[in-house]
N, C-alpha and C. Protein backbone atom coordinates (compact mmCIF):
# COMPACT_ATOMS: atom_id res chain seq x y z
N UNK A 1 2.99 -8.92 20.92
CA UNK A 1 1.63 -8.98 20.41
C UNK A 1 1.59 -10.01 19.28
N UNK A 2 0.71 -11.01 19.34
CA UNK A 2 0.59 -11.97 18.24
C UNK A 2 0.28 -11.25 16.93
N UNK A 3 1.08 -11.53 15.90
CA UNK A 3 0.86 -10.87 14.62
C UNK A 3 1.63 -9.58 14.47
N UNK A 4 2.31 -9.11 15.53
CA UNK A 4 3.12 -7.91 15.41
C UNK A 4 2.28 -6.64 15.35
N UNK A 5 2.98 -5.53 15.08
CA UNK A 5 2.32 -4.22 15.10
C UNK A 5 1.16 -4.13 14.12
N UNK A 6 1.30 -4.73 12.94
CA UNK A 6 0.27 -4.60 11.92
C UNK A 6 -1.07 -5.18 12.34
N UNK A 7 -1.06 -6.12 13.29
CA UNK A 7 -2.31 -6.73 13.76
C UNK A 7 -2.73 -6.22 15.14
N UNK A 8 -1.94 -5.33 15.72
CA UNK A 8 -2.26 -4.79 17.04
C UNK A 8 -3.09 -3.52 16.87
N UNK A 9 -4.39 -3.62 17.10
CA UNK A 9 -5.26 -2.46 16.90
C UNK A 9 -5.64 -1.79 18.21
N UNK A 10 -5.08 -2.27 19.33
CA UNK A 10 -5.48 -1.71 20.63
C UNK A 10 -4.38 -0.95 21.35
N UNK A 11 -3.10 -1.23 21.04
CA UNK A 11 -2.02 -0.67 21.86
C UNK A 11 -1.06 0.25 21.14
N UNK A 12 -1.02 0.25 19.81
CA UNK A 12 -0.12 1.17 19.12
C UNK A 12 -0.66 1.53 17.75
N UNK A 13 -0.10 2.57 17.17
CA UNK A 13 -0.55 3.09 15.88
C UNK A 13 0.33 2.63 14.72
N UNK A 14 1.33 1.79 15.01
CA UNK A 14 2.25 1.35 13.97
C UNK A 14 1.59 0.31 13.07
N UNK A 15 2.08 0.21 11.84
CA UNK A 15 1.56 -0.79 10.92
C UNK A 15 0.16 -0.49 10.43
N UNK A 16 -0.24 0.78 10.49
CA UNK A 16 -1.62 1.16 10.15
C UNK A 16 -1.64 2.45 9.34
N UNK A 17 -2.76 2.66 8.65
CA UNK A 17 -3.06 3.95 8.04
C UNK A 17 -4.00 4.67 9.01
N UNK A 18 -3.63 5.88 9.40
CA UNK A 18 -4.42 6.65 10.36
C UNK A 18 -5.25 7.68 9.62
N UNK A 19 -6.40 8.02 10.21
CA UNK A 19 -7.26 9.06 9.64
C UNK A 19 -7.73 9.93 10.79
N UNK A 20 -7.34 11.23 10.73
CA UNK A 20 -7.69 12.17 11.79
C UNK A 20 -8.21 13.46 11.17
N UNK A 21 -8.88 14.25 11.98
CA UNK A 21 -9.39 15.55 11.56
C UNK A 21 -8.49 16.61 12.18
N UNK A 22 -7.60 17.19 11.38
CA UNK A 22 -6.62 18.14 11.90
C UNK A 22 -7.24 19.48 12.28
N UNK A 23 -8.49 19.73 11.89
CA UNK A 23 -9.14 20.99 12.22
C UNK A 23 -9.90 20.93 13.54
N UNK A 24 -9.97 19.77 14.15
CA UNK A 24 -10.73 19.63 15.38
C UNK A 24 -9.84 19.30 16.56
N UNK A 25 -10.46 19.13 17.72
CA UNK A 25 -9.76 18.72 18.94
C UNK A 25 -10.62 17.69 19.65
N UNK A 26 -9.95 16.82 20.41
CA UNK A 26 -10.66 15.77 21.14
C UNK A 26 -9.97 15.59 22.48
N UNK A 27 -10.51 16.23 23.52
CA UNK A 27 -9.89 16.14 24.84
C UNK A 27 -8.50 16.74 24.81
N UNK A 28 -7.51 15.96 25.22
CA UNK A 28 -6.12 16.44 25.25
C UNK A 28 -5.45 16.34 23.88
N UNK A 29 -6.07 15.68 22.93
CA UNK A 29 -5.48 15.55 21.59
C UNK A 29 -5.78 16.81 20.79
N UNK A 30 -4.79 17.24 20.02
CA UNK A 30 -5.01 18.44 19.20
C UNK A 30 -5.54 18.08 17.82
N UNK A 31 -6.30 17.01 17.75
CA UNK A 31 -7.00 16.61 16.54
C UNK A 31 -8.26 15.87 16.96
N UNK A 32 -9.21 15.76 16.03
CA UNK A 32 -10.44 15.03 16.28
C UNK A 32 -10.44 13.74 15.47
N UNK A 33 -11.38 12.87 15.78
CA UNK A 33 -11.51 11.58 15.10
C UNK A 33 -12.75 11.62 14.21
N UNK A 34 -12.60 11.33 12.92
CA UNK A 34 -13.80 11.24 12.07
C UNK A 34 -14.74 10.17 12.61
N UNK A 35 -16.02 10.48 12.75
CA UNK A 35 -16.94 9.52 13.38
C UNK A 35 -17.15 8.24 12.59
N UNK A 36 -16.81 8.22 11.28
CA UNK A 36 -16.99 6.99 10.51
C UNK A 36 -15.70 6.16 10.40
N UNK A 37 -14.66 6.51 11.21
CA UNK A 37 -13.52 5.60 11.30
C UNK A 37 -14.01 4.25 11.81
N UNK A 38 -13.41 3.15 11.36
CA UNK A 38 -13.99 1.83 11.61
C UNK A 38 -14.02 1.37 13.07
N UNK A 39 -13.13 1.89 13.92
CA UNK A 39 -13.08 1.40 15.30
C UNK A 39 -13.71 2.36 16.30
N UNK A 40 -14.34 3.44 15.83
CA UNK A 40 -15.04 4.34 16.74
C UNK A 40 -16.19 3.57 17.39
N UNK A 41 -16.18 3.52 18.71
CA UNK A 41 -17.20 2.77 19.44
C UNK A 41 -16.95 1.29 19.53
N UNK A 42 -15.81 0.83 18.96
CA UNK A 42 -15.43 -0.58 19.00
C UNK A 42 -14.13 -0.71 19.78
N UNK A 43 -13.72 -1.95 20.07
CA UNK A 43 -12.43 -2.16 20.72
C UNK A 43 -11.33 -1.82 19.72
N UNK A 44 -10.44 -0.94 20.10
CA UNK A 44 -9.36 -0.55 19.22
C UNK A 44 -9.17 0.95 19.23
N UNK A 45 -8.08 1.39 18.61
CA UNK A 45 -7.73 2.81 18.58
C UNK A 45 -8.55 3.54 17.52
N UNK A 46 -9.19 4.62 17.94
CA UNK A 46 -10.10 5.34 17.05
C UNK A 46 -9.41 5.93 15.82
N UNK A 47 -8.10 6.22 15.92
CA UNK A 47 -7.38 6.84 14.81
C UNK A 47 -7.22 5.91 13.61
N UNK A 48 -7.29 4.60 13.84
CA UNK A 48 -7.00 3.63 12.78
C UNK A 48 -8.07 3.66 11.70
N UNK A 49 -7.61 3.64 10.46
CA UNK A 49 -8.49 3.56 9.29
C UNK A 49 -8.35 2.19 8.62
N UNK A 50 -7.12 1.69 8.52
CA UNK A 50 -6.82 0.37 7.98
C UNK A 50 -5.53 -0.11 8.62
N UNK A 51 -5.31 -1.43 8.66
CA UNK A 51 -4.13 -1.97 9.36
C UNK A 51 -3.64 -3.22 8.66
N UNK A 52 -2.60 -3.84 9.24
CA UNK A 52 -2.00 -5.01 8.62
C UNK A 52 -0.94 -4.65 7.59
N UNK A 53 -0.28 -3.49 7.79
CA UNK A 53 0.80 -3.05 6.90
C UNK A 53 2.14 -3.25 7.60
N UNK A 54 3.20 -3.35 6.80
CA UNK A 54 4.54 -3.43 7.38
C UNK A 54 5.18 -2.05 7.45
N UNK A 55 5.26 -1.37 6.29
CA UNK A 55 5.94 -0.07 6.25
C UNK A 55 5.41 0.73 5.05
N UNK A 56 4.21 1.32 5.17
CA UNK A 56 3.69 2.11 4.05
C UNK A 56 4.66 3.24 3.67
N UNK A 57 4.91 3.36 2.36
CA UNK A 57 5.87 4.36 1.87
C UNK A 57 5.24 5.10 0.69
N UNK A 58 4.51 6.11 0.95
CA UNK A 58 3.83 6.99 0.01
C UNK A 58 2.41 6.53 -0.24
N UNK A 59 1.53 7.51 -0.34
CA UNK A 59 0.13 7.27 -0.62
C UNK A 59 -0.34 8.27 -1.67
N UNK A 60 -1.43 7.91 -2.36
CA UNK A 60 -2.02 8.81 -3.34
C UNK A 60 -3.52 8.55 -3.42
N UNK A 61 -4.28 9.64 -3.52
CA UNK A 61 -5.70 9.53 -3.82
C UNK A 61 -5.87 9.62 -5.33
N UNK A 62 -6.71 8.72 -5.87
CA UNK A 62 -6.99 8.73 -7.31
C UNK A 62 -8.42 8.27 -7.52
N UNK A 63 -9.22 9.11 -8.16
CA UNK A 63 -10.64 8.82 -8.42
C UNK A 63 -11.37 8.37 -7.16
N UNK A 64 -11.06 9.03 -6.03
CA UNK A 64 -11.76 8.73 -4.79
C UNK A 64 -11.21 7.56 -4.01
N UNK A 65 -10.21 6.86 -4.53
CA UNK A 65 -9.60 5.73 -3.82
C UNK A 65 -8.23 6.13 -3.29
N UNK A 66 -7.85 5.54 -2.16
CA UNK A 66 -6.53 5.75 -1.58
C UNK A 66 -5.65 4.55 -1.91
N UNK A 67 -4.47 4.83 -2.46
CA UNK A 67 -3.50 3.78 -2.78
C UNK A 67 -2.25 4.01 -1.93
N UNK A 68 -1.71 2.92 -1.38
CA UNK A 68 -0.50 2.99 -0.55
C UNK A 68 0.42 1.85 -0.93
N UNK A 69 1.70 2.17 -1.10
CA UNK A 69 2.68 1.10 -1.29
C UNK A 69 3.15 0.66 0.09
N UNK A 70 3.53 -0.62 0.20
CA UNK A 70 3.98 -1.17 1.47
C UNK A 70 5.30 -1.89 1.23
N UNK A 71 6.37 -1.38 1.86
CA UNK A 71 7.70 -1.96 1.71
C UNK A 71 7.73 -3.30 2.43
N UNK A 72 8.14 -4.34 1.71
CA UNK A 72 8.15 -5.68 2.26
C UNK A 72 9.33 -5.95 3.17
N UNK A 73 9.36 -7.16 3.69
CA UNK A 73 10.42 -7.58 4.59
C UNK A 73 11.55 -8.27 3.84
N UNK A 74 11.29 -9.44 3.29
CA UNK A 74 12.37 -10.15 2.61
C UNK A 74 11.93 -10.90 1.36
N UNK A 75 10.65 -10.75 0.97
CA UNK A 75 10.20 -11.53 -0.18
C UNK A 75 9.45 -10.72 -1.23
N UNK A 76 8.52 -9.85 -0.82
CA UNK A 76 7.64 -9.16 -1.77
C UNK A 76 7.47 -7.69 -1.42
N UNK A 77 7.19 -6.91 -2.46
CA UNK A 77 6.79 -5.51 -2.34
C UNK A 77 5.37 -5.40 -2.87
N UNK A 78 4.58 -4.41 -2.37
CA UNK A 78 3.19 -4.40 -2.78
C UNK A 78 2.58 -3.01 -2.85
N UNK A 79 1.49 -2.92 -3.66
CA UNK A 79 0.66 -1.73 -3.78
C UNK A 79 -0.74 -2.14 -3.33
N UNK A 80 -1.35 -1.33 -2.45
CA UNK A 80 -2.66 -1.64 -1.91
C UNK A 80 -3.67 -0.54 -2.19
N UNK A 81 -4.91 -0.95 -2.50
CA UNK A 81 -6.03 -0.02 -2.49
C UNK A 81 -6.60 -0.09 -1.09
N UNK A 82 -6.55 1.03 -0.36
CA UNK A 82 -6.86 1.04 1.07
C UNK A 82 -8.37 1.22 1.27
N UNK A 83 -8.94 0.30 2.07
CA UNK A 83 -10.37 0.33 2.37
C UNK A 83 -10.58 0.63 3.85
N UNK A 84 -11.66 1.31 4.15
CA UNK A 84 -12.04 1.62 5.52
C UNK A 84 -12.21 0.31 6.30
N UNK A 85 -11.38 0.11 7.34
CA UNK A 85 -11.46 -1.10 8.15
C UNK A 85 -10.75 -2.29 7.56
N UNK A 86 -10.02 -2.11 6.47
CA UNK A 86 -9.35 -3.23 5.82
C UNK A 86 -8.14 -3.71 6.60
N UNK A 87 -7.92 -5.03 6.56
CA UNK A 87 -6.75 -5.67 7.17
C UNK A 87 -5.93 -6.28 6.03
N UNK A 88 -4.67 -5.86 5.91
CA UNK A 88 -3.84 -6.23 4.77
C UNK A 88 -2.84 -7.36 5.06
N UNK A 89 -2.96 -7.96 6.25
CA UNK A 89 -2.35 -9.26 6.47
C UNK A 89 -0.96 -9.33 7.07
N UNK A 90 -0.21 -8.22 7.15
CA UNK A 90 1.12 -8.32 7.73
C UNK A 90 0.96 -8.61 9.23
N UNK A 91 1.61 -9.57 9.79
CA UNK A 91 2.81 -10.21 9.35
C UNK A 91 2.69 -11.70 9.07
N UNK A 92 1.52 -12.14 8.68
CA UNK A 92 1.38 -13.53 8.24
C UNK A 92 1.32 -13.63 6.72
N UNK A 93 1.11 -12.49 6.06
CA UNK A 93 1.11 -12.46 4.60
C UNK A 93 2.01 -11.32 4.12
N UNK A 94 2.67 -11.58 3.00
CA UNK A 94 3.49 -10.56 2.34
C UNK A 94 3.25 -10.70 0.85
N UNK A 95 2.76 -9.64 0.22
CA UNK A 95 2.32 -9.79 -1.17
C UNK A 95 1.11 -10.72 -1.19
N UNK A 96 1.16 -11.73 -2.08
CA UNK A 96 0.09 -12.72 -2.16
C UNK A 96 0.47 -14.02 -1.46
N UNK A 97 1.58 -14.01 -0.73
CA UNK A 97 2.14 -15.25 -0.18
C UNK A 97 2.15 -15.26 1.34
N UNK A 98 2.39 -16.46 1.88
CA UNK A 98 2.61 -16.59 3.32
C UNK A 98 3.92 -15.94 3.71
N UNK A 99 4.00 -15.41 4.91
CA UNK A 99 5.25 -14.89 5.42
C UNK A 99 5.63 -15.69 6.65
N UNK A 100 6.58 -16.61 6.48
CA UNK A 100 7.12 -17.40 7.59
C UNK A 100 6.02 -18.01 8.44
N UNK A 101 4.98 -18.51 7.77
CA UNK A 101 3.87 -19.13 8.49
C UNK A 101 3.57 -20.48 7.85
N UNK A 102 3.28 -21.47 8.68
CA UNK A 102 2.97 -22.79 8.17
C UNK A 102 1.63 -22.81 7.44
N UNK A 103 0.73 -21.95 7.87
CA UNK A 103 -0.58 -21.85 7.25
C UNK A 103 -0.75 -20.41 6.78
N UNK A 104 -1.26 -20.24 5.57
CA UNK A 104 -1.43 -18.89 5.02
C UNK A 104 -2.91 -18.52 5.10
N UNK A 105 -3.31 -17.82 6.15
CA UNK A 105 -4.73 -17.52 6.33
C UNK A 105 -5.24 -16.53 5.30
N UNK A 106 -6.52 -16.63 5.00
CA UNK A 106 -7.19 -15.66 4.14
C UNK A 106 -8.11 -14.76 4.95
N UNK A 107 -8.20 -15.05 6.27
CA UNK A 107 -9.03 -14.22 7.14
C UNK A 107 -8.45 -14.23 8.55
N UNK A 108 -8.91 -13.29 9.37
CA UNK A 108 -8.48 -13.19 10.76
C UNK A 108 -9.19 -14.27 11.58
N UNK A 109 -8.74 -14.51 12.83
CA UNK A 109 -9.46 -15.46 13.68
C UNK A 109 -10.93 -15.08 13.89
N UNK A 110 -11.25 -13.78 13.73
CA UNK A 110 -12.65 -13.33 13.87
C UNK A 110 -13.46 -13.49 12.58
N UNK A 111 -12.80 -13.94 11.50
CA UNK A 111 -13.50 -14.15 10.25
C UNK A 111 -13.48 -12.99 9.28
N UNK A 112 -12.73 -11.92 9.61
CA UNK A 112 -12.63 -10.79 8.69
C UNK A 112 -11.60 -11.12 7.60
N UNK A 113 -11.87 -10.76 6.34
CA UNK A 113 -10.94 -11.12 5.26
C UNK A 113 -9.64 -10.33 5.34
N UNK A 114 -8.55 -10.97 4.93
CA UNK A 114 -7.27 -10.28 4.72
C UNK A 114 -7.25 -9.86 3.26
N UNK A 115 -7.02 -8.58 3.02
CA UNK A 115 -7.16 -8.02 1.67
C UNK A 115 -5.84 -8.13 0.91
N UNK A 116 -5.93 -8.68 -0.30
CA UNK A 116 -4.76 -8.81 -1.16
C UNK A 116 -4.38 -7.46 -1.76
N UNK A 117 -3.08 -7.28 -2.05
CA UNK A 117 -2.67 -6.07 -2.77
C UNK A 117 -3.19 -6.10 -4.20
N UNK A 118 -3.16 -4.94 -4.86
CA UNK A 118 -3.52 -4.92 -6.28
C UNK A 118 -2.32 -5.28 -7.14
N UNK A 119 -1.11 -5.04 -6.63
CA UNK A 119 0.12 -5.37 -7.33
C UNK A 119 1.12 -5.86 -6.29
N UNK A 120 1.88 -6.90 -6.64
CA UNK A 120 2.99 -7.34 -5.81
C UNK A 120 4.07 -7.91 -6.71
N UNK A 121 5.33 -7.72 -6.31
CA UNK A 121 6.43 -8.31 -7.08
C UNK A 121 7.49 -8.83 -6.12
N UNK A 122 8.24 -9.85 -6.55
CA UNK A 122 9.19 -10.51 -5.64
C UNK A 122 10.55 -9.83 -5.60
N UNK A 123 11.29 -10.13 -4.53
CA UNK A 123 12.68 -9.70 -4.46
C UNK A 123 13.55 -10.57 -5.37
N UNK A 124 13.14 -11.81 -5.57
CA UNK A 124 13.90 -12.76 -6.38
C UNK A 124 13.00 -13.29 -7.48
N UNK A 125 13.48 -13.24 -8.71
CA UNK A 125 12.72 -13.78 -9.84
C UNK A 125 13.62 -14.71 -10.64
N UNK A 126 13.24 -15.98 -10.71
CA UNK A 126 14.01 -16.99 -11.44
C UNK A 126 15.46 -17.05 -10.98
N UNK A 127 15.66 -16.94 -9.66
CA UNK A 127 17.00 -17.05 -9.10
C UNK A 127 17.86 -15.81 -9.23
N UNK A 128 17.29 -14.71 -9.69
CA UNK A 128 18.05 -13.46 -9.85
C UNK A 128 17.39 -12.37 -9.03
N UNK A 129 18.21 -11.44 -8.51
CA UNK A 129 17.67 -10.31 -7.76
C UNK A 129 16.77 -9.48 -8.67
N UNK A 130 15.58 -9.13 -8.15
CA UNK A 130 14.62 -8.38 -8.96
C UNK A 130 14.20 -7.08 -8.28
N UNK A 131 13.93 -7.13 -6.98
CA UNK A 131 13.50 -5.95 -6.25
C UNK A 131 14.01 -5.95 -4.83
N UNK A 132 13.90 -4.79 -4.16
CA UNK A 132 14.35 -4.72 -2.76
C UNK A 132 13.44 -3.85 -1.91
N UNK A 133 12.98 -2.72 -2.44
CA UNK A 133 12.10 -1.82 -1.67
C UNK A 133 11.31 -0.97 -2.64
N UNK A 134 9.99 -1.02 -2.53
CA UNK A 134 9.12 -0.29 -3.46
C UNK A 134 9.14 1.21 -3.15
N UNK A 135 9.07 2.00 -4.20
CA UNK A 135 8.95 3.44 -4.10
C UNK A 135 7.66 3.80 -4.84
N UNK A 136 6.68 4.27 -4.11
CA UNK A 136 5.40 4.54 -4.78
C UNK A 136 5.19 6.00 -4.93
N UNK A 137 4.31 6.05 -5.69
CA UNK A 137 3.78 5.66 -6.93
C UNK A 137 2.70 6.69 -7.22
N UNK A 138 2.46 6.94 -8.50
CA UNK A 138 1.46 7.92 -8.93
C UNK A 138 0.74 7.41 -10.17
N UNK A 139 -0.52 7.83 -10.30
CA UNK A 139 -1.24 7.60 -11.54
C UNK A 139 -0.85 8.69 -12.53
N UNK A 140 -0.64 8.30 -13.76
CA UNK A 140 -0.30 9.25 -14.82
C UNK A 140 -1.60 9.69 -15.49
N UNK A 141 -1.92 10.95 -15.39
CA UNK A 141 -3.13 11.50 -16.00
C UNK A 141 -2.78 12.52 -17.08
N UNK A 142 -1.68 12.29 -17.77
CA UNK A 142 -1.19 13.21 -18.80
C UNK A 142 -1.54 12.66 -20.18
N UNK A 143 -2.51 13.26 -20.88
CA UNK A 143 -2.90 12.73 -22.20
C UNK A 143 -1.80 12.83 -23.25
N UNK A 144 -0.74 13.60 -22.97
CA UNK A 144 0.35 13.69 -23.94
C UNK A 144 1.24 12.44 -23.89
N UNK A 145 1.00 11.55 -22.90
CA UNK A 145 1.73 10.28 -22.82
C UNK A 145 0.68 9.16 -22.85
N UNK A 146 0.10 8.89 -24.03
CA UNK A 146 -1.02 7.95 -24.09
C UNK A 146 -0.67 6.55 -23.61
N UNK A 147 0.59 6.13 -23.74
CA UNK A 147 0.97 4.78 -23.30
C UNK A 147 0.89 4.62 -21.79
N UNK A 148 0.97 5.75 -21.06
CA UNK A 148 0.94 5.68 -19.60
C UNK A 148 -0.34 6.24 -18.99
N UNK A 149 -1.14 6.94 -19.78
CA UNK A 149 -2.31 7.62 -19.23
C UNK A 149 -3.25 6.63 -18.54
N UNK A 150 -3.61 6.96 -17.30
CA UNK A 150 -4.50 6.13 -16.51
C UNK A 150 -3.83 4.98 -15.80
N UNK A 151 -2.52 4.85 -15.97
CA UNK A 151 -1.77 3.76 -15.35
C UNK A 151 -1.04 4.23 -14.11
N UNK A 152 -0.71 3.28 -13.25
CA UNK A 152 0.00 3.56 -12.00
C UNK A 152 1.49 3.33 -12.23
N UNK A 153 2.30 4.35 -11.96
CA UNK A 153 3.74 4.29 -12.17
C UNK A 153 4.42 4.24 -10.80
N UNK A 154 5.33 3.27 -10.62
CA UNK A 154 6.05 3.13 -9.36
C UNK A 154 7.42 2.56 -9.65
N UNK A 155 8.24 2.45 -8.62
CA UNK A 155 9.63 2.07 -8.84
C UNK A 155 10.13 1.21 -7.70
N UNK A 156 11.36 0.73 -7.86
CA UNK A 156 12.05 -0.03 -6.83
C UNK A 156 13.43 0.59 -6.64
N UNK A 157 13.94 0.50 -5.42
CA UNK A 157 15.25 1.08 -5.14
C UNK A 157 16.38 0.43 -5.93
N UNK A 158 16.14 -0.70 -6.55
CA UNK A 158 17.16 -1.31 -7.41
C UNK A 158 17.25 -0.60 -8.75
N UNK A 159 16.45 0.46 -8.95
CA UNK A 159 16.54 1.24 -10.18
C UNK A 159 15.52 0.86 -11.23
N UNK A 160 14.60 -0.03 -10.91
CA UNK A 160 13.57 -0.42 -11.86
C UNK A 160 12.39 0.54 -11.79
N UNK A 161 11.78 0.77 -12.95
CA UNK A 161 10.58 1.59 -13.04
C UNK A 161 9.47 0.71 -13.61
N UNK A 162 8.29 0.74 -12.97
CA UNK A 162 7.19 -0.14 -13.35
C UNK A 162 5.97 0.68 -13.74
N UNK A 163 5.10 0.06 -14.52
CA UNK A 163 3.79 0.62 -14.79
C UNK A 163 2.78 -0.51 -14.65
N UNK A 164 1.65 -0.18 -14.05
CA UNK A 164 0.60 -1.16 -13.84
C UNK A 164 -0.73 -0.58 -14.31
N UNK A 165 -1.47 -1.40 -15.06
CA UNK A 165 -2.74 -0.93 -15.62
C UNK A 165 -3.91 -1.52 -14.83
N UNK A 166 -4.71 -0.66 -14.19
CA UNK A 166 -5.87 -1.17 -13.47
C UNK A 166 -6.87 -1.81 -14.43
N UNK A 167 -7.40 -2.98 -14.09
CA UNK A 167 -8.43 -3.59 -14.93
C UNK A 167 -9.76 -2.88 -14.74
N UNK A 168 -10.72 -3.10 -15.64
CA UNK A 168 -12.01 -2.42 -15.50
C UNK A 168 -12.83 -2.92 -14.30
N UNK A 169 -12.51 -4.12 -13.79
CA UNK A 169 -13.20 -4.64 -12.60
C UNK A 169 -12.22 -4.63 -11.44
N UNK A 170 -12.52 -5.30 -10.36
CA UNK A 170 -11.64 -5.30 -9.18
C UNK A 170 -10.72 -6.53 -9.18
N UNK A 171 -10.46 -7.09 -10.34
CA UNK A 171 -9.60 -8.27 -10.45
C UNK A 171 -8.20 -7.96 -9.93
N UNK A 172 -7.61 -8.93 -9.22
CA UNK A 172 -6.25 -8.78 -8.70
C UNK A 172 -5.48 -10.05 -9.00
N UNK A 173 -4.20 -9.96 -9.30
CA UNK A 173 -3.38 -8.74 -9.37
C UNK A 173 -3.55 -8.00 -10.69
N UNK A 174 -3.19 -6.71 -10.64
CA UNK A 174 -3.13 -5.93 -11.86
C UNK A 174 -1.91 -6.38 -12.66
N UNK A 175 -1.97 -6.16 -13.97
CA UNK A 175 -0.80 -6.44 -14.79
C UNK A 175 0.32 -5.46 -14.44
N UNK A 176 1.55 -5.89 -14.63
CA UNK A 176 2.70 -5.05 -14.28
C UNK A 176 3.77 -5.22 -15.35
N UNK A 177 4.33 -4.10 -15.80
CA UNK A 177 5.38 -4.12 -16.82
C UNK A 177 6.58 -3.33 -16.31
N UNK A 178 7.78 -3.85 -16.58
CA UNK A 178 9.00 -3.10 -16.28
C UNK A 178 9.24 -2.15 -17.44
N UNK A 179 9.33 -0.84 -17.16
CA UNK A 179 9.58 0.14 -18.20
C UNK A 179 11.05 0.15 -18.59
N UNK A 180 11.30 0.37 -19.85
CA UNK A 180 12.67 0.45 -20.33
C UNK A 180 13.19 1.86 -20.07
N UNK A 181 13.68 2.06 -18.83
CA UNK A 181 14.18 3.37 -18.42
C UNK A 181 15.61 3.20 -17.93
N UNK A 182 16.51 4.00 -18.43
CA UNK A 182 17.91 3.92 -18.04
C UNK A 182 18.13 4.84 -16.84
N UNK A 183 17.86 4.30 -15.65
CA UNK A 183 17.99 5.10 -14.42
C UNK A 183 19.38 4.88 -13.83
N UNK A 184 20.17 5.94 -13.81
CA UNK A 184 21.52 5.81 -13.27
C UNK A 184 21.50 5.70 -11.76
N UNK A 185 20.54 6.33 -11.12
CA UNK A 185 20.44 6.29 -9.66
C UNK A 185 19.11 5.68 -9.26
N UNK A 186 19.09 5.07 -8.10
CA UNK A 186 17.85 4.48 -7.60
C UNK A 186 16.83 5.58 -7.36
N UNK A 187 15.59 5.40 -7.84
CA UNK A 187 14.56 6.42 -7.60
C UNK A 187 14.17 6.47 -6.13
N UNK A 188 14.08 7.67 -5.59
CA UNK A 188 13.70 7.84 -4.20
C UNK A 188 12.30 8.41 -4.05
N UNK A 189 11.76 8.95 -5.12
CA UNK A 189 10.43 9.54 -5.03
C UNK A 189 9.81 9.60 -6.41
N UNK A 190 8.50 9.43 -6.44
CA UNK A 190 7.72 9.62 -7.66
C UNK A 190 6.62 10.59 -7.31
N UNK A 191 6.53 11.67 -8.05
CA UNK A 191 5.57 12.73 -7.76
C UNK A 191 4.75 13.05 -9.00
N UNK A 192 3.59 13.64 -8.77
CA UNK A 192 2.75 14.05 -9.90
C UNK A 192 2.71 15.58 -9.95
N UNK A 193 2.51 16.08 -11.16
CA UNK A 193 2.47 17.52 -11.39
C UNK A 193 1.02 17.94 -11.60
N UNK A 194 0.79 19.26 -11.58
CA UNK A 194 -0.56 19.79 -11.76
C UNK A 194 -1.15 19.39 -13.11
N UNK A 195 -0.30 19.16 -14.13
CA UNK A 195 -0.80 18.78 -15.44
C UNK A 195 -1.07 17.29 -15.57
N UNK A 196 -0.88 16.52 -14.47
CA UNK A 196 -1.13 15.08 -14.50
C UNK A 196 0.08 14.27 -14.85
N UNK A 197 1.20 14.93 -15.16
CA UNK A 197 2.42 14.21 -15.48
C UNK A 197 3.04 13.59 -14.24
N UNK A 198 3.98 12.67 -14.47
CA UNK A 198 4.66 11.95 -13.38
C UNK A 198 6.14 12.24 -13.47
N UNK A 199 6.74 12.57 -12.31
CA UNK A 199 8.17 12.85 -12.24
C UNK A 199 8.85 11.84 -11.34
N UNK A 200 9.99 11.32 -11.77
CA UNK A 200 10.77 10.35 -10.98
C UNK A 200 12.02 11.02 -10.48
């Protein structure tokens, strides 16, 4: 399939965020399809909500928005704000850059925009290893940690811990800071607690 799984909206469910109704049924499927999914009544699989991902690894809802991290291939890791019907560009884009393509498109052949991540970071920075695989991520809503409150906390398997502050508008990319955390082991999960705190 041209563009790989992330751009194939008719034959497989890979490389996509799916949205289903687990309380319903639809023919032989033991789930129903929300009627406002973007491809209902259009060419494509009704389960798809957004596509153009390589390997989403953890999602979180925050203030009504869905955020998903996407593990990169060989150059960038990224955090995405997921939109209904959004195309996130894999496999011609990775992070904010081209991925092994002579031309870096900003839209599909049909004219639909490819959506940039809100945060992306490279595997290599100034000739040194920087990242390898993103581990996402939670918003910190704990007022007892004012330096992190309202910020998105995520990590990389190389043992780095990051914090990113959403801007008041939809400007991209968000700022990103490496936290001074002495992590002996690579973080495998970041979770939030009922009190809004974040656990690594």
